[in-house]
Amino acid sequence: MSFGITELIIILVIVLLMFGSKKLSSLGNDLGSAIKGFRSAVSEEPKPEPLDGAESPATQKSGNEGSS
């Protein structure tokens, strides 16, 4: 039970009539930006986390300034 070209064209025409061309255009743009964001999030390397509660140098510096 696969769809042929004719069935897909009929479905696309019905969807176009239901939503209109402006709505489909904005929907396509939103979907494209969502896919782009997902791909960039997946391809980023995870940041290393501190081991055993050790503070990062930036946190240590800001924590010692107020204890004079």
N, C-alpha and C. Protein backbone atom coordinates (compact mmCIF):
# COMPACT_ATOMS: atom_id res chain seq x y z
N MET A 1 0.84 -1.18 0.00
CA MET A 1 0.00 0.00 0.00
C MET A 1 0.88 1.24 0.00
N SER A 2 1.49 1.54 -1.13
CA SER A 2 2.31 2.74 -1.22
C SER A 2 1.59 3.80 -2.04
N PHE A 3 1.98 5.03 -1.82
CA PHE A 3 1.38 6.15 -2.53
C PHE A 3 2.14 6.41 -3.81
N GLY A 4 1.41 6.64 -4.88
CA GLY A 4 2.03 7.00 -6.15
C GLY A 4 2.11 8.51 -6.29
N ILE A 5 2.64 8.95 -7.40
CA ILE A 5 2.78 10.39 -7.66
C ILE A 5 1.41 11.06 -7.71
N THR A 6 0.45 10.43 -8.33
CA THR A 6 -0.89 11.02 -8.47
C THR A 6 -1.54 11.24 -7.11
N GLU A 7 -1.44 10.27 -6.23
CA GLU A 7 -2.03 10.41 -4.90
C GLU A 7 -1.35 11.52 -4.11
N LEU A 8 -0.03 11.61 -4.20
CA LEU A 8 0.68 12.66 -3.48
C LEU A 8 0.30 14.04 -4.00
N ILE A 9 0.13 14.20 -5.29
CA ILE A 9 -0.27 15.49 -5.86
C ILE A 9 -1.67 15.87 -5.38
N ILE A 10 -2.58 14.90 -5.35
CA ILE A 10 -3.93 15.18 -4.86
C ILE A 10 -3.91 15.60 -3.39
N ILE A 11 -3.12 14.93 -2.58
CA ILE A 11 -3.01 15.28 -1.16
C ILE A 11 -2.42 16.68 -1.01
N LEU A 12 -1.39 17.01 -1.77
CA LEU A 12 -0.79 18.34 -1.69
C LEU A 12 -1.77 19.43 -2.11
N VAL A 13 -2.58 19.19 -3.13
CA VAL A 13 -3.58 20.17 -3.56
C VAL A 13 -4.63 20.38 -2.47
N ILE A 14 -5.07 19.31 -1.84
CA ILE A 14 -6.05 19.42 -0.76
C ILE A 14 -5.48 20.21 0.41
N VAL A 15 -4.23 19.93 0.77
CA VAL A 15 -3.58 20.66 1.87
C VAL A 15 -3.43 22.14 1.50
N LEU A 16 -3.08 22.43 0.26
CA LEU A 16 -2.96 23.81 -0.19
C LEU A 16 -4.29 24.54 -0.11
N LEU A 17 -5.36 23.87 -0.49
CA LEU A 17 -6.69 24.48 -0.41
C LEU A 17 -7.13 24.70 1.03
N MET A 18 -6.74 23.80 1.93
CA MET A 18 -7.15 23.91 3.32
C MET A 18 -6.41 25.04 4.05
N PHE A 19 -5.11 25.15 3.83
CA PHE A 19 -4.31 26.10 4.61
C PHE A 19 -3.99 27.39 3.87
N GLY A 20 -3.95 27.37 2.57
CA GLY A 20 -3.59 28.55 1.82
C GLY A 20 -2.09 28.64 1.62
N SER A 21 -1.68 29.37 0.61
CA SER A 21 -0.26 29.42 0.26
C SER A 21 0.56 30.21 1.28
N LYS A 22 0.01 31.27 1.86
CA LYS A 22 0.77 32.06 2.84
C LYS A 22 1.05 31.26 4.10
N LYS A 23 0.06 30.53 4.55
CA LYS A 23 0.24 29.72 5.75
C LYS A 23 1.24 28.60 5.51
N LEU A 24 1.18 27.97 4.34
CA LEU A 24 2.13 26.89 4.02
C LEU A 24 3.54 27.44 3.90
N SER A 25 3.69 28.64 3.37
CA SER A 25 5.01 29.25 3.25
C SER A 25 5.62 29.51 4.62
N SER A 26 4.84 30.10 5.52
CA SER A 26 5.36 30.36 6.86
C SER A 26 5.61 29.06 7.62
N LEU A 27 4.76 28.06 7.38
CA LEU A 27 4.95 26.76 8.01
C LEU A 27 6.25 26.12 7.54
N GLY A 28 6.54 26.23 6.24
CA GLY A 28 7.79 25.69 5.70
C GLY A 28 9.01 26.40 6.26
N ASN A 29 8.93 27.73 6.41
CA ASN A 29 10.04 28.48 6.98
C ASN A 29 10.28 28.08 8.43
N ASP A 30 9.20 27.94 9.20
CA ASP A 30 9.34 27.54 10.60
C ASP A 30 9.92 26.14 10.73
N LEU A 31 9.47 25.25 9.87
CA LEU A 31 9.98 23.88 9.90
C LEU A 31 11.46 23.84 9.53
N GLY A 32 11.85 24.63 8.53
CA GLY A 32 13.26 24.69 8.13
C GLY A 32 14.15 25.23 9.23
N SER A 33 13.70 26.30 9.92
CA SER A 33 14.52 26.85 11.00
C SER A 33 14.58 25.89 12.18
N ALA A 34 13.51 25.15 12.43
CA ALA A 34 13.54 24.17 13.52
C ALA A 34 14.51 23.03 13.22
N ILE A 35 14.52 22.57 11.97
CA ILE A 35 15.45 21.51 11.58
C ILE A 35 16.89 22.00 11.67
N LYS A 36 17.12 23.25 11.25
CA LYS A 36 18.46 23.83 11.31
C LYS A 36 18.94 23.94 12.76
N GLY A 37 18.07 24.39 13.64
CA GLY A 37 18.42 24.47 15.06
C GLY A 37 18.69 23.12 15.67
N PHE A 38 17.90 22.13 15.30
CA PHE A 38 18.10 20.78 15.82
C PHE A 38 19.43 20.22 15.36
N ARG A 39 19.76 20.42 14.08
CA ARG A 39 21.03 19.90 13.57
C ARG A 39 22.22 20.57 14.25
N SER A 40 22.13 21.88 14.49
CA SER A 40 23.25 22.56 15.14
C SER A 40 23.39 22.12 16.59
N ALA A 41 22.27 21.85 17.25
CA ALA A 41 22.32 21.38 18.63
C ALA A 41 22.90 19.98 18.72
N VAL A 42 22.58 19.15 17.76
CA VAL A 42 23.09 17.77 17.76
C VAL A 42 24.57 17.74 17.44
N SER A 43 25.02 18.63 16.55
CA SER A 43 26.41 18.58 16.13
C SER A 43 27.37 19.25 17.12
N GLU A 44 26.85 20.03 18.07
CA GLU A 44 27.72 20.66 19.06
C GLU A 44 28.29 19.61 19.99
N GLU A 45 29.53 19.83 20.39
CA GLU A 45 30.15 18.92 21.34
C GLU A 45 29.69 19.28 22.75
N PRO A 46 29.41 18.29 23.57
CA PRO A 46 28.99 18.59 24.94
C PRO A 46 30.13 19.23 25.73
N LYS A 47 29.77 20.17 26.58
CA LYS A 47 30.78 20.84 27.40
C LYS A 47 31.16 19.94 28.57
N PRO A 48 32.44 19.87 28.88
CA PRO A 48 32.86 19.02 30.01
C PRO A 48 32.34 19.59 31.32
N GLU A 49 31.90 18.71 32.19
CA GLU A 49 31.39 19.13 33.49
C GLU A 49 32.49 19.00 34.53
N PRO A 50 32.47 19.86 35.55
CA PRO A 50 33.49 19.78 36.61
C PRO A 50 33.41 18.44 37.33
N LEU A 51 34.57 17.93 37.73
CA LEU A 51 34.63 16.64 38.42
C LEU A 51 34.49 16.82 39.92
N ASP A 52 33.70 16.00 40.56
CA ASP A 52 33.54 15.93 42.02
C ASP A 52 33.30 17.28 42.67
N GLY A 53 32.46 18.11 42.10
CA GLY A 53 32.09 19.38 42.71
C GLY A 53 33.18 20.43 42.67
N ALA A 54 34.23 20.23 41.91
CA ALA A 54 35.29 21.24 41.82
C ALA A 54 34.75 22.46 41.08
N GLU A 55 35.09 23.63 41.59
CA GLU A 55 34.60 24.86 40.98
C GLU A 55 35.50 25.27 39.83
N SER A 56 34.93 25.96 38.86
CA SER A 56 35.73 26.46 37.75
C SER A 56 36.51 27.68 38.22
N PRO A 57 37.60 28.06 37.55
CA PRO A 57 38.39 29.22 37.96
C PRO A 57 37.57 30.50 38.01
N ALA A 58 36.62 30.70 37.13
CA ALA A 58 35.81 31.91 37.14
C ALA A 58 34.93 31.94 38.40
N THR A 59 34.41 30.81 38.82
CA THR A 59 33.56 30.75 40.02
C THR A 59 34.42 30.98 41.25
N GLN A 60 35.63 30.45 41.29
CA GLN A 60 36.51 30.64 42.44
C GLN A 60 36.90 32.09 42.58
N LYS A 61 37.19 32.76 41.47
CA LYS A 61 37.58 34.15 41.51
C LYS A 61 36.48 35.03 42.06
N SER A 62 35.25 34.85 41.57
CA SER A 62 34.14 35.69 42.02
C SER A 62 33.75 35.37 43.46
N GLY A 63 33.97 34.16 43.92
CA GLY A 63 33.63 33.80 45.29
C GLY A 63 34.61 34.37 46.30
N ASN A 64 35.87 34.61 45.95
CA ASN A 64 36.88 35.11 46.88
C ASN A 64 36.90 36.62 46.97
N GLU A 65 36.29 37.34 46.04
CA GLU A 65 36.36 38.80 46.03
C GLU A 65 35.63 39.41 47.23
N GLY A 66 34.53 38.87 47.64
CA GLY A 66 33.73 39.47 48.71
C GLY A 66 34.15 39.03 50.09
N SER A 67 35.15 38.19 50.28
CA SER A 67 35.51 37.67 51.60
C SER A 67 36.72 38.35 52.20
N SER A 68 36.89 39.65 51.97
CA SER A 68 38.05 40.36 52.54
C SER A 68 37.86 40.72 53.95
